[in-house]
Amino acid sequence: MKKTLVLLFLAFAWMITPMESQAQKAGDPMFKVPLGIASYTFRNQWKNGVPQTLDIIQQMGFVEFEGGAPQGVSPEQFRKMCEERGISIPSTGTGFEQLESDPQAVADRAKALGAKYVMCAWIPHKRGQFSKEDADRAIKAFNAGGKVLKENGITFKYHVHGYEFQPYEDGTLFDYLVKNTDSRYVSLQMDVMWTHFGGGDPAALLKKYGKRWVSLHLKDFRKGAPKDMTGLTGPENDVVLGQGELDFPAILREANKIGIKHMFIEDESEHELEALPKSIAYLKSLKY
């Protein structure tokens, strides 16, 4: 009898533990990571002065920055300017060709910034016609470059841009990319808007590829705007988070289950200074 009770208890515990470990208390915030910003958001501001732009970033409450040093400022200088404002640079970017030709230079620049991640946001291809040959070139460059970066203590991540969802075999060329890149050297960053724009389901893809994802770009897409496979659309289609087509509660639920530690708002509109406070308020308003 005692043995039977013990077995029943263990069976019951096995059934409830996974549910309890993933459960969130009602009212818990859904946005759980440090507030991050992608450099491209401030593309129209840097010309007004790097210190002045960083002051705006600090005043808005951002504590993580993804990007490189603006023109005219060295990586070391930029890192110091950020640190003086309580802003870290966990991640920076690289162009595809430089990763392909000189990954060590990419690693050296990342280390000068203090970054632990390097992302690549674009694979060269003919507009709207991303092909298996383009994917194969990227797989080779990502595996080789990612290995060099790892040897330097840096994680490489590919930033999904939407054109990778061209159909291929029983899935897409994105599935082909993930399958054929080495998980030891190649991680993933989801831009949730570009994923949606290209026909992908952000929450479902987060669930499908789990720990391969290490960060997110957060932006929203204007309701009813046309979508295609180019990975390109106008700034008028970038809207305040929560005002467009993206299902952010579903995205954040999956991201939290995976344990993603870095999320960067990226506003590509032409009124970013007005939009950002609204996007921040929306993220902070989301509760379980």
Protein backbone atom coordinates (compact mmCIF):
# COMPACT_ATOMS: atom_id res chain seq x y z
CA MET A 1 0.00 0.00 0.00
CA LYS A 2 2.79 2.40 0.97
CA LYS A 3 4.63 1.68 -2.30
CA THR A 4 1.43 2.32 -4.26
CA LEU A 5 0.92 5.71 -2.57
CA VAL A 6 4.51 6.72 -3.31
CA LEU A 7 4.10 5.83 -6.99
CA LEU A 8 0.84 7.75 -7.20
CA PHE A 9 2.47 10.79 -5.59
CA LEU A 10 5.39 10.70 -8.03
CA ALA A 11 3.05 10.38 -11.00
CA PHE A 12 0.98 13.32 -9.78
CA ALA A 13 4.10 15.42 -9.19
CA TRP A 14 5.36 14.64 -12.69
CA MET A 15 2.10 15.87 -14.18
CA ILE A 16 1.94 19.17 -12.31
CA THR A 17 5.59 20.22 -12.10
CA PRO A 18 6.05 21.27 -15.76
CA MET A 19 2.85 23.28 -15.61
CA GLU A 20 3.85 24.97 -12.36
CA SER A 21 7.36 25.74 -13.56
CA GLN A 22 5.99 27.59 -16.59
CA ALA A 23 3.03 29.20 -14.87
CA GLN A 24 2.96 32.93 -14.27
CA LYS A 25 1.02 34.66 -11.54
CA ALA A 26 -1.87 36.79 -12.69
CA GLY A 27 -0.64 40.34 -12.95
CA ASP A 28 3.02 39.48 -13.53
CA PRO A 29 4.65 41.66 -16.21
CA MET A 30 5.13 40.02 -19.59
CA PHE A 31 8.11 42.22 -20.47
CA LYS A 32 10.81 40.94 -18.14
CA VAL A 33 14.15 41.99 -19.66
CA PRO A 34 16.21 45.20 -19.57
CA LEU A 35 14.81 47.86 -21.89
CA GLY A 36 16.85 47.75 -25.11
CA ILE A 37 17.01 49.90 -28.23
CA ALA A 38 18.34 49.17 -31.72
CA SER A 39 20.70 51.79 -33.14
CA TYR A 40 18.79 52.20 -36.42
CA THR A 41 15.94 53.78 -34.48
CA PHE A 42 18.07 56.91 -34.01
CA ARG A 43 19.41 57.11 -37.58
CA ASN A 44 17.97 60.64 -37.89
CA GLN A 45 19.37 61.81 -34.55
CA TRP A 46 23.10 60.98 -34.55
CA LYS A 47 23.86 63.98 -36.80
CA ASN A 48 22.67 66.22 -33.96
CA GLY A 49 25.50 64.92 -31.78
CA VAL A 50 26.37 61.56 -30.29
CA PRO A 51 26.31 62.73 -26.63
CA GLN A 52 23.01 64.51 -27.19
CA THR A 53 21.46 61.42 -28.79
CA LEU A 54 22.71 59.16 -26.02
CA ASP A 55 21.18 61.58 -23.51
CA ILE A 56 17.78 61.09 -25.19
CA ILE A 57 18.24 57.31 -25.11
CA GLN A 58 19.12 57.45 -21.42
CA GLN A 59 16.21 59.77 -20.57
CA MET A 60 13.77 57.36 -22.24
CA GLY A 61 14.94 54.62 -19.88
CA PHE A 62 16.94 52.43 -22.24
CA VAL A 63 19.77 50.52 -20.58
CA GLU A 64 20.82 48.23 -23.45
CA PHE A 65 21.93 49.28 -26.92
CA GLU A 66 22.40 47.14 -30.01
CA GLY A 67 24.62 48.62 -32.68
CA GLY A 68 28.02 50.07 -33.42
CA ALA A 69 29.73 53.39 -32.90
CA PRO A 70 28.29 56.24 -35.01
CA GLN A 71 30.50 57.75 -37.68
CA GLY A 72 33.36 59.81 -36.26
CA VAL A 73 33.46 58.00 -32.91
CA SER A 74 35.72 55.04 -32.12
CA PRO A 75 34.23 51.87 -30.58
CA GLU A 76 36.19 52.54 -27.39
CA GLN A 77 34.94 56.13 -27.15
CA PHE A 78 31.36 55.10 -27.81
CA ARG A 79 31.49 52.36 -25.20
CA LYS A 80 32.74 54.87 -22.62
CA MET A 81 30.02 57.36 -23.51
CA CYS A 82 27.37 54.67 -23.10
CA GLU A 83 28.80 53.43 -19.81
CA GLU A 84 28.73 56.97 -18.42
CA ARG A 85 24.97 56.91 -18.97
CA GLY A 86 24.35 53.45 -17.56
CA ILE A 87 23.91 51.91 -21.01
CA SER A 88 25.56 48.61 -21.98
CA ILE A 89 26.18 47.32 -25.51
CA PRO A 90 25.44 43.58 -25.36
CA SER A 91 25.16 43.29 -29.13
CA THR A 92 26.49 44.88 -32.30
CA GLY A 93 26.13 44.26 -36.01
CA THR A 94 28.18 43.37 -39.05
CA GLY A 95 27.71 43.42 -42.79
CA PHE A 96 27.57 40.04 -44.51
CA GLU A 97 30.63 40.65 -46.67
CA GLN A 98 32.85 41.54 -43.74
CA LEU A 99 31.75 38.50 -41.78
CA GLU A 100 32.49 36.40 -44.87
CA SER A 101 35.91 37.94 -45.59
CA ASP A 102 37.33 38.94 -42.17
CA PRO A 103 35.44 37.57 -39.17
CA GLN A 104 38.37 38.32 -36.87
CA ALA A 105 38.01 42.04 -37.57
CA VAL A 106 34.32 41.71 -36.71
CA ALA A 107 35.25 40.03 -33.42
CA ASP A 108 37.84 42.71 -32.59
CA ARG A 109 35.32 45.51 -33.12
CA ALA A 110 32.73 43.72 -30.99
CA LYS A 111 35.22 43.28 -28.16
CA ALA A 112 36.14 46.97 -28.29
CA LEU A 113 32.44 47.77 -27.75
CA GLY A 114 32.12 45.20 -24.96
CA ALA A 115 29.55 43.25 -27.00
CA LYS A 116 28.93 39.54 -26.47
CA TYR A 117 26.77 39.12 -29.59
CA VAL A 118 27.22 40.03 -33.24
CA MET A 119 24.25 40.00 -35.59
CA CYS A 120 24.03 40.03 -39.37
CA ALA A 121 20.76 41.40 -40.74
CA TRP A 122 20.96 40.81 -44.48
CA ILE A 123 22.06 38.09 -46.90
CA PRO A 124 22.94 39.39 -50.40
CA HIS A 125 20.35 38.33 -52.98
CA LYS A 126 18.22 39.61 -55.83
CA ARG A 127 15.28 41.56 -54.41
CA GLY A 128 12.30 39.30 -53.77
CA GLN A 129 14.11 36.25 -55.12
CA PHE A 130 16.05 34.76 -52.21
CA SER A 131 17.23 31.35 -53.41
CA LYS A 132 18.79 28.11 -52.18
CA GLU A 133 22.11 29.29 -53.65
CA ASP A 134 21.88 32.48 -51.55
CA ALA A 135 21.07 30.37 -48.49
CA ASP A 136 24.01 28.04 -49.17
CA ARG A 137 26.40 30.99 -49.37
CA ALA A 138 25.05 32.26 -46.04
CA ILE A 139 25.30 28.84 -44.39
CA LYS A 140 28.98 28.62 -45.31
CA ALA A 141 29.74 32.19 -44.14
CA PHE A 142 27.72 31.87 -40.93
CA ASN A 143 29.25 28.56 -39.88
CA ALA A 144 32.82 29.71 -40.60
CA GLY A 145 32.40 33.23 -39.22
CA GLY A 146 30.42 32.04 -36.23
CA LYS A 147 33.22 29.64 -35.32
CA VAL A 148 35.78 32.47 -35.32
CA LEU A 149 33.48 34.63 -33.20
CA LYS A 150 32.92 31.82 -30.72
CA GLU A 151 36.68 31.37 -30.38
CA ASN A 152 36.72 35.05 -29.36
CA GLY A 153 33.97 34.57 -26.76
CA ILE A 154 31.25 36.07 -28.94
CA THR A 155 27.94 34.58 -30.12
CA PHE A 156 26.94 35.11 -33.74
CA LYS A 157 23.25 35.50 -34.55
CA TYR A 158 21.40 35.86 -37.82
CA HIS A 159 18.69 38.53 -37.80
CA VAL A 160 15.66 37.19 -39.66
CA HIS A 161 14.37 39.66 -42.27
CA GLY A 162 11.34 37.95 -43.84
CA TYR A 163 12.55 37.11 -47.33
CA GLU A 164 13.84 33.73 -46.02
CA PHE A 165 10.29 32.32 -45.95
CA GLN A 166 10.37 31.38 -49.61
CA PRO A 167 8.90 27.85 -49.90
CA TYR A 168 11.49 25.09 -50.10
CA GLU A 169 10.92 21.32 -49.98
CA ASP A 170 8.49 20.65 -47.11
CA GLY A 171 9.14 23.96 -45.41
CA THR A 172 10.91 27.23 -46.20
CA LEU A 173 14.42 28.42 -46.93
CA PHE A 174 14.48 29.70 -43.36
CA ASP A 175 13.98 26.13 -42.14
CA TYR A 176 16.77 25.08 -44.49
CA LEU A 177 19.08 27.77 -43.04
CA VAL A 178 18.40 26.72 -39.47
CA LYS A 179 18.83 23.02 -40.24
CA ASN A 180 22.17 23.50 -42.00
CA THR A 181 23.83 26.01 -39.70
CA ASP A 182 25.76 24.68 -36.73
CA SER A 183 23.96 25.53 -33.49
CA ARG A 184 27.35 25.79 -31.76
CA TYR A 185 28.26 28.75 -33.97
CA VAL A 186 25.01 30.22 -35.28
CA SER A 187 22.16 31.55 -33.15
CA LEU A 188 19.11 33.53 -34.24
CA GLN A 189 17.60 36.95 -33.66
CA MET A 190 13.95 37.36 -34.55
CA ASP A 191 12.75 40.66 -35.90
CA VAL A 192 9.10 40.04 -35.16
CA MET A 193 7.78 42.53 -37.71
CA TRP A 194 9.92 41.26 -40.59
CA THR A 195 9.05 37.69 -39.68
CA HIS A 196 5.35 38.57 -39.88
CA PHE A 197 5.91 40.62 -43.06
CA GLY A 198 7.40 37.60 -44.82
CA GLY A 199 4.54 35.30 -43.84
CA GLY A 200 6.04 33.71 -40.72
CA ASP A 201 4.28 33.29 -37.38
CA PRO A 202 6.60 34.82 -34.75
CA ALA A 203 5.19 32.98 -31.72
CA ALA A 204 5.07 29.63 -33.54
CA LEU A 205 8.66 30.01 -34.79
CA LEU A 206 9.90 30.92 -31.32
CA LYS A 207 8.32 27.72 -30.06
CA LYS A 208 9.62 25.63 -32.98
CA TYR A 209 13.28 26.62 -32.72
CA GLY A 210 13.43 27.32 -29.00
CA LYS A 211 16.91 28.01 -27.66
CA ARG A 212 18.32 28.86 -31.09
CA TRP A 213 16.70 32.27 -30.54
CA VAL A 214 18.77 34.56 -28.30
CA SER A 215 17.20 38.00 -28.85
CA LEU A 216 14.33 39.91 -30.44
CA HIS A 217 13.75 43.11 -32.35
CA LEU A 218 10.36 44.51 -31.38
CA LYS A 219 8.36 46.55 -33.86
CA ASP A 220 4.81 46.57 -35.16
CA PHE A 221 3.25 46.65 -38.64
CA ARG A 222 0.39 48.86 -39.80
CA LYS A 223 -2.92 47.03 -39.99
CA GLY A 224 -3.87 46.10 -43.54
CA ALA A 225 -0.63 47.26 -45.17
CA PRO A 226 0.61 45.05 -48.04
CA LYS A 227 3.20 42.36 -47.33
CA ASP A 228 5.62 40.57 -49.64
CA MET A 229 8.88 38.59 -49.72
CA THR A 230 11.30 41.51 -50.16
CA GLY A 231 12.09 42.24 -46.50
CA LEU A 232 11.53 45.89 -47.40
CA THR A 233 8.65 48.28 -46.69
CA GLY A 234 8.18 52.00 -46.11
CA PRO A 235 8.54 53.80 -42.75
CA GLU A 236 4.83 54.65 -42.84
CA ASN A 237 4.11 50.98 -42.11
CA ASP A 238 6.06 51.00 -38.83
CA VAL A 239 3.64 51.84 -36.02
CA VAL A 240 3.68 52.11 -32.23
CA LEU A 241 3.88 48.71 -30.54
CA GLY A 242 0.39 47.38 -29.87
CA GLN A 243 -1.27 49.46 -32.60
CA GLY A 244 -0.55 47.13 -35.51
CA GLU A 245 -0.96 43.51 -36.57
CA LEU A 246 1.53 41.80 -34.25
CA ASP A 247 0.34 39.66 -31.33
CA PHE A 248 2.83 40.80 -28.69
CA PRO A 249 1.31 38.90 -25.74
CA ALA A 250 1.73 35.62 -27.66
CA ILE A 251 5.28 36.58 -28.70
CA LEU A 252 6.36 37.52 -25.18
CA ARG A 253 4.87 34.36 -23.68
CA GLU A 254 7.00 32.19 -25.97
CA ALA A 255 10.07 34.39 -25.56
CA ASN A 256 9.81 34.13 -21.79
CA LYS A 257 9.45 30.34 -21.96
CA ILE A 258 12.66 30.15 -24.00
CA GLY A 259 14.42 32.49 -21.60
CA ILE A 260 15.35 35.26 -24.05
CA LYS A 261 17.38 37.89 -22.19
CA HIS A 262 17.63 40.73 -24.75
CA MET A 263 14.84 42.54 -26.60
CA PHE A 264 15.50 45.70 -28.59
CA ILE A 265 12.77 48.08 -29.73
CA GLU A 266 13.44 49.17 -33.31
CA ASP A 267 11.31 52.03 -34.59
CA GLU A 268 11.72 52.59 -38.34
CA SER A 269 9.08 55.33 -38.58
CA GLU A 270 9.94 58.98 -39.15
CA HIS A 271 8.49 60.06 -35.78
CA GLU A 272 10.47 57.84 -33.44
CA LEU A 273 10.79 60.38 -30.61
CA GLU A 274 7.01 60.58 -30.30
CA ALA A 275 6.40 56.86 -30.85
CA LEU A 276 8.97 55.36 -28.50
CA PRO A 277 7.42 56.47 -25.19
CA LYS A 278 4.09 54.99 -26.33
CA SER A 279 5.75 51.71 -27.31
CA ILE A 280 7.55 51.51 -23.97
CA ALA A 281 4.32 52.19 -22.08
CA TYR A 282 2.55 49.46 -24.07
CA LEU A 283 5.22 46.86 -23.31
CA LYS A 284 5.14 47.71 -19.62
CA SER A 285 1.35 47.50 -19.57
CA LEU A 286 1.27 43.85 -20.69
CA LYS A 287 0.44 41.44 -17.85
CA TYR A 288 -0.18 37.73 -17.52
